[in-house]
Amino acid sequence: MRKIIACAALAGAMLVSACNTIEGMGRDVSSAGDTVAKAADNAK
């Protein structure tokens, strides 16, 4: 029973950390897209 609880806790921790990583990556991609959009507007 302890092994099952330990595995569940480890899996939960990994899922939480993965969500934070994906969220951060989304912010970076959004920032890059904004920069490209501003450059395109300035080139008009």
C-alpha atoms as a PDB file:
ATOM      1  CA  MET A   1       0.000   0.000   0.000  1.00  0.00           C
ATOM      2  CA  ARG A   2       2.864   2.392   0.754  1.00  0.00           C
ATOM      3  CA  LYS A   3       4.329   1.818  -2.711  1.00  0.00           C
ATOM      4  CA  ILE A   4       1.033   2.747  -4.350  1.00  0.00           C
ATOM      5  CA  ILE A   5       0.755   5.942  -2.303  1.00  0.00           C
ATOM      6  CA  ALA A   6       4.385   6.836  -3.035  1.00  0.00           C
ATOM      7  CA  CYS A   7       3.871   6.273  -6.773  1.00  0.00           C
ATOM      8  CA  ALA A   8       0.691   8.354  -6.762  1.00  0.00           C
ATOM      9  CA  ALA A   9       2.446  11.202  -4.935  1.00  0.00           C
ATOM     10  CA  LEU A  10       5.370  11.098  -7.356  1.00  0.00           C
ATOM     11  CA  ALA A  11       3.053  11.097 -10.374  1.00  0.00           C
ATOM     12  CA  GLY A  12       1.103  14.039  -8.932  1.00  0.00           C
ATOM     13  CA  ALA A  13       4.293  16.021  -8.369  1.00  0.00           C
ATOM     14  CA  MET A  14       5.421  15.358 -11.934  1.00  0.00           C
ATOM     15  CA  LEU A  15       2.084  16.472 -13.364  1.00  0.00           C
ATOM     16  CA  VAL A  16       2.139  19.725 -11.402  1.00  0.00           C
ATOM     17  CA  SER A  17       5.681  20.554 -12.477  1.00  0.00           C
ATOM     18  CA  ALA A  18       4.871  19.752 -16.110  1.00  0.00           C
ATOM     19  CA  CYS A  19       1.936  22.166 -16.071  1.00  0.00           C
ATOM     20  CA  ASN A  20       4.161  24.959 -14.789  1.00  0.00           C
ATOM     21  CA  THR A  21       6.709  24.264 -17.500  1.00  0.00           C
ATOM     22  CA  ILE A  22       4.103  24.275 -20.259  1.00  0.00           C
ATOM     23  CA  GLU A  23       2.573  27.485 -18.925  1.00  0.00           C
ATOM     24  CA  GLY A  24       5.969  29.195 -18.950  1.00  0.00           C
ATOM     25  CA  MET A  25       6.630  28.007 -22.476  1.00  0.00           C
ATOM     26  CA  GLY A  26       3.266  29.395 -23.555  1.00  0.00           C
ATOM     27  CA  ARG A  27       4.184  32.796 -22.159  1.00  0.00           C
ATOM     28  CA  ASP A  28       7.490  32.749 -24.048  1.00  0.00           C
ATOM     29  CA  VAL A  29       5.789  31.847 -27.321  1.00  0.00           C
ATOM     30  CA  SER A  30       3.172  34.550 -26.773  1.00  0.00           C
ATOM     31  CA  SER A  31       5.876  37.135 -26.119  1.00  0.00           C
ATOM     32  CA  ALA A  32       7.725  36.141 -29.284  1.00  0.00           C
ATOM     33  CA  GLY A  33       4.493  36.411 -31.280  1.00  0.00           C
ATOM     34  CA  ASP A  34       3.864  39.904 -29.925  1.00  0.00           C
ATOM     35  CA  THR A  35       7.372  40.951 -30.921  1.00  0.00           C
ATOM     36  CA  VAL A  36       6.892  39.653 -34.454  1.00  0.00           C
ATOM     37  CA  ALA A  37       3.531  41.407 -34.728  1.00  0.00           C
ATOM     38  CA  LYS A  38       5.038  44.721 -33.609  1.00  0.00           C
ATOM     39  CA  ALA A  39       7.879  44.360 -36.111  1.00  0.00           C
ATOM     40  CA  ALA A  40       5.372  43.689 -38.887  1.00  0.00           C
ATOM     41  CA  ASP A  41       3.352  46.755 -37.910  1.00  0.00           C
ATOM     42  CA  ASN A  42       6.476  48.933 -37.917  1.00  0.00           C
ATOM     43  CA  ALA A  43       7.466  47.641 -41.389  1.00  0.00           C
ATOM     44  CA  LYS A  44       4.223  48.842 -42.986  1.00  0.00           C
END
